[in-house]
Amino acid sequence: MSNRPSLLFITTSSLASNPRLVKEFECLKEGYSCYVICFKHHDWSLSLSEAIKAKNKEVHFIEIDRRQSVFETVMSKLLHKLAIIVNPLFQKRFKVCAFASNDKTPQLTSRIKKARRKYQFDKVIAHNLGAFYPAVKLSQFQKTKLQLDIEDFYPGEALYFNRTYEKANRYHTMQASFSHAESITYASKGIEVECKKAFKTNAKINHITIINTFESSDFIKPQKRNDEIVKCVWFSQNIGPNRGLEQVFDAAKVLQGIEFHIIGNSNPDYLKTIDLSPNVKCHDVMSQTQLHEFLSEMDIGLALENRDADFNRNICLTNKILAYAQAGLYIFATDTFGQRDFLKELHYKAGEIINLNVLESLSNFDVTVINHESRMMRWENAKSFSWETEQLKLFKAI
């Protein structure tokens, strides 16, 4: 290790699946020795993750490939299953709750035991729930500072397994982790509010909301367009059901003068069930740079959320609404607390809440909001909450 303070970032995701973590080590790598323990996923994120590593050669990546580490992976999955079996007997045991909640947590814990024998860290920063237990154990063993990053309100997310105990497992894992943290960062004000209501923390703990914005230089200055076609865009990691897209496809059949651009990793089985009209254009998942350049060609950003999916969707603040705002697009957003609060807090009109559905909103909006002057105004104003500003809060937390 160098003489600079060392930071260890831990995540159960791949690099490309956790852009918030990437932004954090990219802005901190100049002043700190940054180490990242993450997973290698053999999916749409693989090439994007490799590009991130190539761009950040000064960062030390400890990547777990579950296909290569077969024995370790099998053992981790077995420990996960065992934790679920004994869950009824140890409903508040930190280790049991954490292992039962995520089958990657035992594997991360094992890798961190190896890393702590080789490296001494000044601070460990855990991203996502499955990384909390191993991060706490490392901070206790090395007597190092612990920072938790809360991108979602995990107890409010949908339950997919161990339904009797999983929600409680998430609460207990978060409470135990919060009790050991020196600082906690949140991705939205709504998430911070809910966490403060749900969990007890030390009075001296540092709570900071850092919204997941991007560098203002990522977004091209709006150019005057010659064509008169209104272009709407929606993006996510995956194109699939229960994302609000059904409203978009229905609107496209009626509003033939509007183009709808859908970006993400497609679900062929889902798309086969949809009768797509010619004005719907589907695009493969893009790198962050490609996506932000593409947004410069759009007029309207659709920030659609399924409010019935889980409680977390109501209070989180997604990458899409932030990227739309920074690109200067006019936003039509589902009425969730996170999106409503975000638009309300801005000192300019960045968009509006969808009252009924996408079709009704796009049929009746004031077209002057997408002219060049309005877009320039939004693009300029969005610089006030760009990552250049938000990252100053991260430096303060560190």
Protein backbone atom coordinates (compact mmCIF):
# COMPACT_ATOMS: atom_id res chain seq x y z
CA MET A 1 0.00 0.00 0.00
CA SER A 2 1.08 3.62 -0.54
CA ASN A 3 1.34 6.22 2.19
CA ARG A 4 -2.01 7.67 1.20
CA PRO A 5 -5.08 6.75 3.28
CA SER A 6 -6.65 3.55 1.98
CA LEU A 7 -10.34 3.00 1.26
CA LEU A 8 -12.04 -0.32 0.65
CA PHE A 9 -15.32 -0.36 -1.27
CA ILE A 10 -17.47 -3.51 -1.04
CA THR A 11 -20.44 -4.46 -3.20
CA THR A 12 -22.40 -7.57 -4.14
CA SER A 13 -22.82 -6.15 -7.66
CA SER A 14 -20.64 -5.91 -10.74
CA LEU A 15 -19.04 -2.54 -11.41
CA ALA A 16 -21.40 -1.63 -14.24
CA SER A 17 -24.40 -2.57 -12.08
CA ASN A 18 -23.32 -0.14 -9.37
CA PRO A 19 -22.58 3.21 -11.06
CA ARG A 20 -22.82 5.08 -7.74
CA LEU A 21 -19.88 3.10 -6.35
CA VAL A 22 -17.89 3.75 -9.54
CA LYS A 23 -18.46 7.50 -9.30
CA GLU A 24 -17.30 7.43 -5.69
CA PHE A 25 -13.96 5.76 -6.25
CA GLU A 26 -13.34 7.77 -9.42
CA CYS A 27 -13.58 11.05 -7.52
CA LEU A 28 -11.61 9.76 -4.51
CA LYS A 29 -8.80 7.88 -6.27
CA GLU A 30 -6.59 10.97 -6.59
CA GLY A 31 -6.31 11.44 -2.83
CA TYR A 32 -6.73 7.88 -1.59
CA SER A 33 -5.57 4.37 -2.37
CA CYS A 34 -8.83 2.79 -3.47
CA TYR A 35 -9.57 -0.93 -3.30
CA VAL A 36 -12.80 -2.48 -4.58
CA ILE A 37 -14.20 -5.93 -3.85
CA CYS A 38 -16.93 -6.65 -6.39
CA PHE A 39 -18.37 -9.48 -8.50
CA LYS A 40 -17.80 -10.37 -12.13
CA HIS A 41 -21.14 -11.01 -13.82
CA HIS A 42 -21.22 -12.83 -17.16
CA ASP A 43 -24.12 -10.82 -18.55
CA TRP A 44 -24.80 -7.47 -20.22
CA SER A 45 -22.58 -5.77 -17.60
CA LEU A 46 -19.39 -7.69 -18.42
CA SER A 47 -17.97 -5.51 -21.21
CA LEU A 48 -19.03 -2.33 -19.44
CA SER A 49 -17.31 -3.46 -16.22
CA GLU A 50 -14.13 -4.27 -18.13
CA ALA A 51 -14.17 -0.76 -19.60
CA ILE A 52 -14.50 0.72 -16.10
CA LYS A 53 -11.48 -1.26 -14.90
CA ALA A 54 -9.44 -0.18 -17.93
CA LYS A 55 -10.30 3.45 -17.22
CA ASN A 56 -9.27 3.20 -13.55
CA LYS A 57 -5.92 1.42 -13.61
CA GLU A 58 -4.81 3.08 -10.35
CA VAL A 59 -7.69 1.42 -8.49
CA HIS A 60 -7.10 -2.07 -7.07
CA PHE A 61 -9.94 -4.41 -8.05
CA ILE A 62 -10.53 -7.67 -6.20
CA GLU A 63 -13.12 -9.25 -8.47
CA ILE A 64 -15.01 -12.41 -7.53
CA ASP A 65 -15.92 -14.62 -10.48
CA ARG A 66 -18.44 -17.14 -9.20
CA ARG A 67 -17.90 -19.35 -12.26
CA GLN A 68 -14.19 -19.61 -11.58
CA SER A 69 -14.39 -19.92 -7.77
CA VAL A 70 -16.69 -22.94 -7.93
CA PHE A 71 -15.97 -24.45 -4.50
CA GLU A 72 -16.20 -21.08 -2.77
CA THR A 73 -19.44 -20.27 -4.59
CA VAL A 74 -21.04 -23.62 -3.72
CA MET A 75 -20.04 -23.22 -0.06
CA SER A 76 -21.48 -19.71 -0.01
CA LYS A 77 -24.79 -20.92 -1.42
CA LEU A 78 -24.89 -23.80 1.10
CA LEU A 79 -24.26 -21.40 3.99
CA HIS A 80 -27.04 -19.21 2.64
CA LYS A 81 -29.45 -22.18 2.59
CA LEU A 82 -28.34 -23.27 6.06
CA ALA A 83 -28.93 -19.78 7.41
CA ILE A 84 -32.47 -19.86 6.01
CA ILE A 85 -33.08 -23.24 7.69
CA VAL A 86 -31.92 -22.04 11.14
CA ASN A 87 -33.48 -18.59 10.67
CA PRO A 88 -36.53 -19.42 12.85
CA LEU A 89 -34.22 -20.29 15.76
CA PHE A 90 -31.94 -17.25 15.42
CA GLN A 91 -34.22 -14.48 14.20
CA LYS A 92 -32.08 -11.62 15.53
CA ARG A 93 -28.58 -13.08 15.12
CA PHE A 94 -26.65 -10.69 12.87
CA LYS A 95 -24.70 -13.35 10.98
CA VAL A 96 -27.72 -15.59 10.41
CA CYS A 97 -29.88 -12.71 9.19
CA ALA A 98 -27.16 -11.46 6.84
CA PHE A 99 -26.32 -14.89 5.41
CA ALA A 100 -30.00 -15.78 4.96
CA SER A 101 -30.65 -12.51 3.15
CA ASN A 102 -28.02 -12.82 0.41
CA ASP A 103 -26.12 -15.84 -0.94
CA LYS A 104 -23.13 -13.62 -1.83
CA THR A 105 -22.62 -12.41 1.73
CA PRO A 106 -20.80 -15.58 2.93
CA GLN A 107 -18.52 -15.38 -0.12
CA LEU A 108 -17.73 -11.71 0.49
CA THR A 109 -17.04 -12.49 4.15
CA SER A 110 -14.57 -15.19 3.13
CA ARG A 111 -12.76 -12.91 0.67
CA ILE A 112 -12.53 -10.10 3.19
CA LYS A 113 -10.90 -12.42 5.71
CA LYS A 114 -8.16 -12.97 3.12
CA ALA A 115 -7.90 -9.27 2.26
CA ARG A 116 -7.59 -8.15 5.88
CA ARG A 117 -4.49 -10.35 6.34
CA LYS A 118 -2.84 -8.66 3.38
CA TYR A 119 -4.02 -5.05 3.65
CA GLN A 120 -4.74 -2.51 6.37
CA PHE A 121 -7.59 -0.15 5.47
CA ASP A 122 -8.34 3.27 6.92
CA LYS A 123 -12.01 3.13 6.02
CA VAL A 124 -14.41 0.58 4.59
CA ILE A 125 -17.41 1.72 2.55
CA ALA A 126 -20.19 -0.83 2.04
CA HIS A 127 -22.57 -0.51 -0.88
CA ASN A 128 -25.82 -2.51 -0.73
CA LEU A 129 -27.23 -4.72 1.98
CA GLY A 130 -25.30 -7.91 1.21
CA ALA A 131 -22.00 -6.09 1.81
CA PHE A 132 -22.91 -4.74 5.27
CA TYR A 133 -22.08 -7.77 7.44
CA PRO A 134 -18.58 -8.39 5.96
CA ALA A 135 -17.86 -4.65 6.15
CA VAL A 136 -18.81 -4.55 9.84
CA LYS A 137 -16.63 -7.58 10.57
CA LEU A 138 -13.65 -5.99 8.79
CA SER A 139 -14.11 -2.69 10.63
CA GLN A 140 -14.20 -4.54 13.96
CA PHE A 141 -11.17 -6.70 13.18
CA GLN A 142 -8.98 -3.83 11.91
CA LYS A 143 -10.58 -1.18 14.15
CA THR A 144 -11.19 0.90 11.04
CA LYS A 145 -13.97 3.37 10.28
CA LEU A 146 -17.17 2.11 8.65
CA GLN A 147 -19.32 4.00 6.16
CA LEU A 148 -22.60 2.61 4.79
CA ASP A 149 -24.12 3.77 1.53
CA ILE A 150 -27.89 3.31 1.40
CA GLU A 151 -29.07 3.36 -2.21
CA ASP A 152 -32.43 1.78 -1.39
CA PHE A 153 -34.67 1.21 1.62
CA TYR A 154 -34.06 -2.53 1.62
CA PRO A 155 -36.87 -3.63 3.98
CA GLY A 156 -39.26 -1.89 1.59
CA GLU A 157 -38.15 -3.86 -1.46
CA ALA A 158 -40.06 -6.82 -2.84
CA LEU A 159 -39.58 -10.23 -1.20
CA TYR A 160 -38.62 -13.12 -3.48
CA PHE A 161 -37.75 -15.92 -1.03
CA ASN A 162 -37.86 -16.78 2.69
CA ARG A 163 -40.93 -14.57 2.84
CA THR A 164 -41.68 -15.29 6.51
CA TYR A 165 -38.36 -13.94 7.78
CA GLU A 166 -36.66 -11.99 4.99
CA LYS A 167 -38.14 -8.58 5.75
CA ALA A 168 -37.12 -8.92 9.42
CA ASN A 169 -33.67 -10.12 8.30
CA ARG A 170 -33.19 -6.90 6.37
CA TYR A 171 -34.24 -4.81 9.36
CA HIS A 172 -31.92 -6.66 11.74
CA THR A 173 -28.99 -6.55 9.31
CA MET A 174 -29.41 -2.82 8.81
CA GLN A 175 -29.88 -2.08 12.51
CA ALA A 176 -26.76 -4.05 13.48
CA SER A 177 -24.77 -2.32 10.74
CA PHE A 178 -26.06 1.15 11.61
CA SER A 179 -24.95 0.58 15.21
CA HIS A 180 -21.32 0.20 14.05
CA ALA A 181 -21.21 2.91 11.38
CA GLU A 182 -19.35 6.19 11.73
CA SER A 183 -21.17 7.75 8.77
CA ILE A 184 -24.11 6.89 6.53
CA THR A 185 -24.86 8.28 3.10
CA TYR A 186 -28.26 8.07 1.41
CA ALA A 187 -29.25 8.25 -2.26
CA SER A 188 -32.43 10.26 -1.60
CA LYS A 189 -34.04 12.34 1.10
CA GLY A 190 -36.95 9.91 1.32
CA ILE A 191 -34.60 7.01 2.07
CA GLU A 192 -32.83 9.02 4.77
CA VAL A 193 -36.15 9.94 6.40
CA GLU A 194 -37.34 6.31 6.46
CA CYS A 195 -34.02 4.99 7.80
CA LYS A 196 -33.95 7.54 10.60
CA LYS A 197 -37.46 6.48 11.59
CA ALA A 198 -36.66 2.76 11.43
CA PHE A 199 -33.18 2.50 12.96
CA LYS A 200 -31.39 3.74 16.04
CA THR A 201 -27.94 5.26 15.56
CA ASN A 202 -25.29 6.95 17.65
CA ALA A 203 -26.06 10.63 18.19
CA LYS A 204 -22.65 11.56 16.72
CA ILE A 205 -23.13 9.65 13.49
CA ASN A 206 -22.86 11.62 10.25
CA HIS A 207 -26.01 11.35 8.05
CA ILE A 208 -25.67 12.80 4.54
CA THR A 209 -27.95 12.59 1.50
CA ILE A 210 -25.87 12.46 -1.69
CA ILE A 211 -28.07 12.21 -4.75
CA ASN A 212 -26.77 10.04 -7.54
CA THR A 213 -26.11 12.71 -10.14
CA PHE A 214 -23.47 12.79 -12.88
CA GLU A 215 -20.72 15.15 -14.00
CA SER A 216 -22.23 18.14 -15.79
CA SER A 217 -19.63 17.68 -18.56
CA ASP A 218 -21.27 14.33 -19.38
CA PHE A 219 -24.19 16.16 -20.96
CA ILE A 220 -23.81 17.95 -24.27
CA LYS A 221 -25.03 21.52 -24.60
CA PRO A 222 -28.46 21.35 -26.29
CA GLN A 223 -28.37 22.08 -30.01
CA LYS A 224 -31.19 23.44 -32.11
CA ARG A 225 -32.90 20.64 -34.00
CA ASN A 226 -34.22 20.90 -37.54
CA ASP A 227 -36.79 18.10 -37.38
CA GLU A 228 -40.14 18.64 -35.68
CA ILE A 229 -40.59 15.10 -34.37
CA VAL A 230 -41.04 14.98 -30.61
CA LYS A 231 -38.72 12.33 -29.14
CA CYS A 232 -39.43 10.63 -25.82
CA VAL A 233 -36.97 8.36 -24.04
CA TRP A 234 -37.08 5.74 -21.28
CA PHE A 235 -34.07 3.76 -20.10
CA SER A 236 -33.19 1.18 -17.50
CA GLN A 237 -30.87 -1.80 -17.13
CA ASN A 238 -33.67 -4.09 -18.31
CA ILE A 239 -36.71 -3.79 -20.57
CA GLY A 240 -39.52 -5.86 -19.10
CA PRO A 241 -42.92 -5.99 -17.43
CA ASN A 242 -44.08 -3.88 -14.47
CA ARG A 243 -41.88 -0.94 -15.42
CA GLY A 244 -44.64 1.32 -16.74
CA LEU A 245 -43.79 0.54 -20.36
CA GLU A 246 -47.24 -0.79 -21.13
CA GLN A 247 -48.48 2.82 -20.87
CA VAL A 248 -45.80 3.91 -23.33
CA PHE A 249 -46.67 1.26 -25.89
CA ASP A 250 -50.38 2.16 -25.66
CA ALA A 251 -49.61 5.86 -26.08
CA ALA A 252 -47.38 5.18 -29.10
CA LYS A 253 -50.25 3.61 -31.01
CA VAL A 254 -52.29 6.81 -30.68
CA LEU A 255 -49.54 9.47 -30.84
CA GLN A 256 -48.01 8.63 -34.21
CA GLY A 257 -46.26 12.02 -34.38
CA ILE A 258 -44.08 11.16 -31.38
CA GLU A 259 -41.13 8.76 -31.30
CA PHE A 260 -40.58 6.60 -28.23
CA HIS A 261 -37.01 5.40 -27.64
CA ILE A 262 -36.65 2.50 -25.19
CA ILE A 263 -33.14 1.65 -23.98
CA GLY A 264 -32.10 -1.41 -21.99
CA ASN A 265 -31.27 -5.09 -21.97
CA SER A 266 -34.30 -6.57 -23.71
CA ASN A 267 -36.47 -9.43 -22.53
CA PRO A 268 -37.41 -11.24 -25.78
CA ASP A 269 -40.25 -13.18 -24.17
CA TYR A 270 -41.77 -9.94 -22.89
CA LEU A 271 -41.40 -8.05 -26.17
CA LYS A 272 -43.05 -10.93 -28.07
CA THR A 273 -46.22 -10.22 -26.10
CA ILE A 274 -46.27 -6.57 -27.18
CA ASP A 275 -47.57 -5.26 -30.49
CA LEU A 276 -44.99 -2.51 -31.04
CA SER A 277 -46.00 0.34 -33.31
CA PRO A 278 -43.41 1.69 -35.81
CA ASN A 279 -42.72 4.79 -33.70
CA VAL A 280 -41.32 2.67 -30.85
CA LYS A 281 -37.54 2.27 -31.21
CA CYS A 282 -35.78 -0.26 -28.95
CA HIS A 283 -32.06 0.14 -28.29
CA ASP A 284 -29.55 -2.14 -26.57
CA VAL A 285 -28.17 -1.19 -23.18
CA MET A 286 -25.56 1.59 -23.51
CA SER A 287 -22.49 2.67 -21.61
CA GLN A 288 -22.99 5.75 -19.47
CA THR A 289 -21.15 7.93 -22.00
CA GLN A 290 -23.20 6.63 -24.93
CA LEU A 291 -26.43 7.03 -23.01
CA HIS A 292 -25.77 10.63 -22.00
CA GLU A 293 -24.85 11.52 -25.58
CA PHE A 294 -28.02 9.85 -26.82
CA LEU A 295 -30.15 11.83 -24.37
CA SER A 296 -28.98 15.03 -26.04
CA GLU A 297 -31.06 14.02 -29.08
CA MET A 298 -34.26 13.58 -27.05
CA ASP A 299 -36.95 16.04 -25.91
CA ILE A 300 -38.88 14.31 -23.11
CA GLY A 301 -37.71 11.90 -20.42
CA LEU A 302 -40.20 9.38 -19.05
CA ALA A 303 -39.50 8.63 -15.37
CA LEU A 304 -42.01 5.84 -14.92
CA GLU A 305 -42.25 3.79 -11.74
CA ASN A 306 -44.52 0.96 -10.64
CA ARG A 307 -45.70 2.28 -7.26
CA ASP A 308 -47.32 -1.04 -6.45
CA ALA A 309 -44.04 -2.95 -6.87
CA ASP A 310 -42.68 -2.14 -3.41
CA PHE A 311 -42.38 0.70 -0.91
CA ASN A 312 -38.81 1.49 -1.92
CA ARG A 313 -39.91 2.55 -5.42
CA ASN A 314 -41.96 5.31 -3.82
CA ILE A 315 -39.07 6.94 -1.96
CA CYS A 316 -36.00 6.28 -4.12
CA LEU A 317 -34.55 8.61 -6.73
CA THR A 318 -33.55 6.75 -9.89
CA ASN A 319 -30.66 7.42 -12.25
CA LYS A 320 -33.11 8.03 -15.06
CA ILE A 321 -34.84 11.10 -13.60
CA LEU A 322 -31.46 12.63 -12.67
CA ALA A 323 -29.98 11.98 -16.12
CA TYR A 324 -33.07 13.43 -17.82
CA ALA A 325 -32.83 16.55 -15.68
CA GLN A 326 -29.11 17.03 -16.33
CA ALA A 327 -29.57 16.55 -20.08
CA GLY A 328 -32.16 19.33 -20.02
CA LEU A 329 -35.07 17.09 -21.05
CA TYR A 330 -38.58 17.90 -19.91
CA ILE A 331 -39.64 15.18 -17.47
CA PHE A 332 -42.92 13.36 -17.12
CA ALA A 333 -42.72 11.46 -13.84
CA THR A 334 -44.88 8.97 -11.99
CA ASP A 335 -46.25 10.41 -8.75
CA THR A 336 -43.85 8.93 -6.18
CA PHE A 337 -42.53 10.70 -3.09
CA GLY A 338 -38.96 10.64 -4.40
CA GLN A 339 -39.77 12.11 -7.80
CA ARG A 340 -42.36 14.56 -6.55
CA ASP A 341 -39.98 15.86 -3.86
CA PHE A 342 -37.12 16.16 -6.36
CA LEU A 343 -39.13 18.23 -8.85
CA LYS A 344 -40.62 20.35 -6.07
CA GLU A 345 -37.23 21.19 -4.54
CA LEU A 346 -35.78 22.53 -7.80
CA HIS A 347 -35.91 26.29 -8.25
CA TYR A 348 -37.02 25.94 -11.86
CA LYS A 349 -39.59 23.86 -13.76
CA ALA A 350 -37.86 20.65 -14.82
CA GLY A 351 -41.01 18.66 -15.51
CA GLU A 352 -44.33 17.56 -14.11
CA ILE A 353 -46.10 14.68 -12.44
CA ILE A 354 -48.25 12.40 -14.61
CA ASN A 355 -51.81 12.78 -13.34
CA LEU A 356 -53.58 9.98 -15.23
CA ASN A 357 -51.32 8.22 -17.71
CA VAL A 358 -48.61 8.79 -20.31
CA LEU A 359 -51.10 9.19 -23.16
CA GLU A 360 -53.07 11.91 -21.38
CA SER A 361 -49.90 13.82 -20.40
CA LEU A 362 -48.33 13.71 -23.86
CA SER A 363 -51.61 14.69 -25.53
CA ASN A 364 -51.99 17.90 -23.54
CA PHE A 365 -48.56 19.29 -22.61
CA ASP A 366 -47.39 22.80 -23.51
CA VAL A 367 -45.02 22.34 -26.46
CA THR A 368 -43.01 25.44 -25.50
CA VAL A 369 -41.40 23.40 -22.68
CA ILE A 370 -39.40 21.46 -25.28
CA ASN A 371 -38.21 24.40 -27.39
CA HIS A 372 -34.49 25.20 -27.47
CA GLU A 373 -34.66 28.11 -25.03
CA SER A 374 -36.50 26.08 -22.38
CA ARG A 375 -34.12 23.19 -22.76
CA MET A 376 -31.08 25.47 -22.45
CA MET A 377 -32.54 26.90 -19.24
CA ARG A 378 -32.97 23.43 -17.73
CA TRP A 379 -29.51 22.27 -18.84
CA GLU A 380 -27.85 25.29 -17.25
CA ASN A 381 -29.83 25.08 -14.01
CA ALA A 382 -29.10 21.38 -13.57
CA LYS A 383 -25.42 22.20 -13.03
CA SER A 384 -26.38 23.29 -9.51
CA PHE A 385 -26.89 19.65 -8.44
CA SER A 386 -24.32 17.91 -10.68
CA TRP A 387 -21.83 15.38 -9.31
CA GLU A 388 -19.23 18.16 -9.00
CA THR A 389 -21.45 19.59 -6.25
CA GLU A 390 -22.71 16.36 -4.73
CA GLN A 391 -19.26 14.81 -4.45
CA LEU A 392 -18.23 17.57 -2.03
CA LYS A 393 -20.60 15.94 0.46
CA LEU A 394 -18.79 12.64 -0.06
CA PHE A 395 -15.42 14.25 0.69
CA LYS A 396 -16.96 15.62 3.87
CA ALA A 397 -18.21 12.16 4.87
CA ILE A 398 -14.80 10.59 4.21
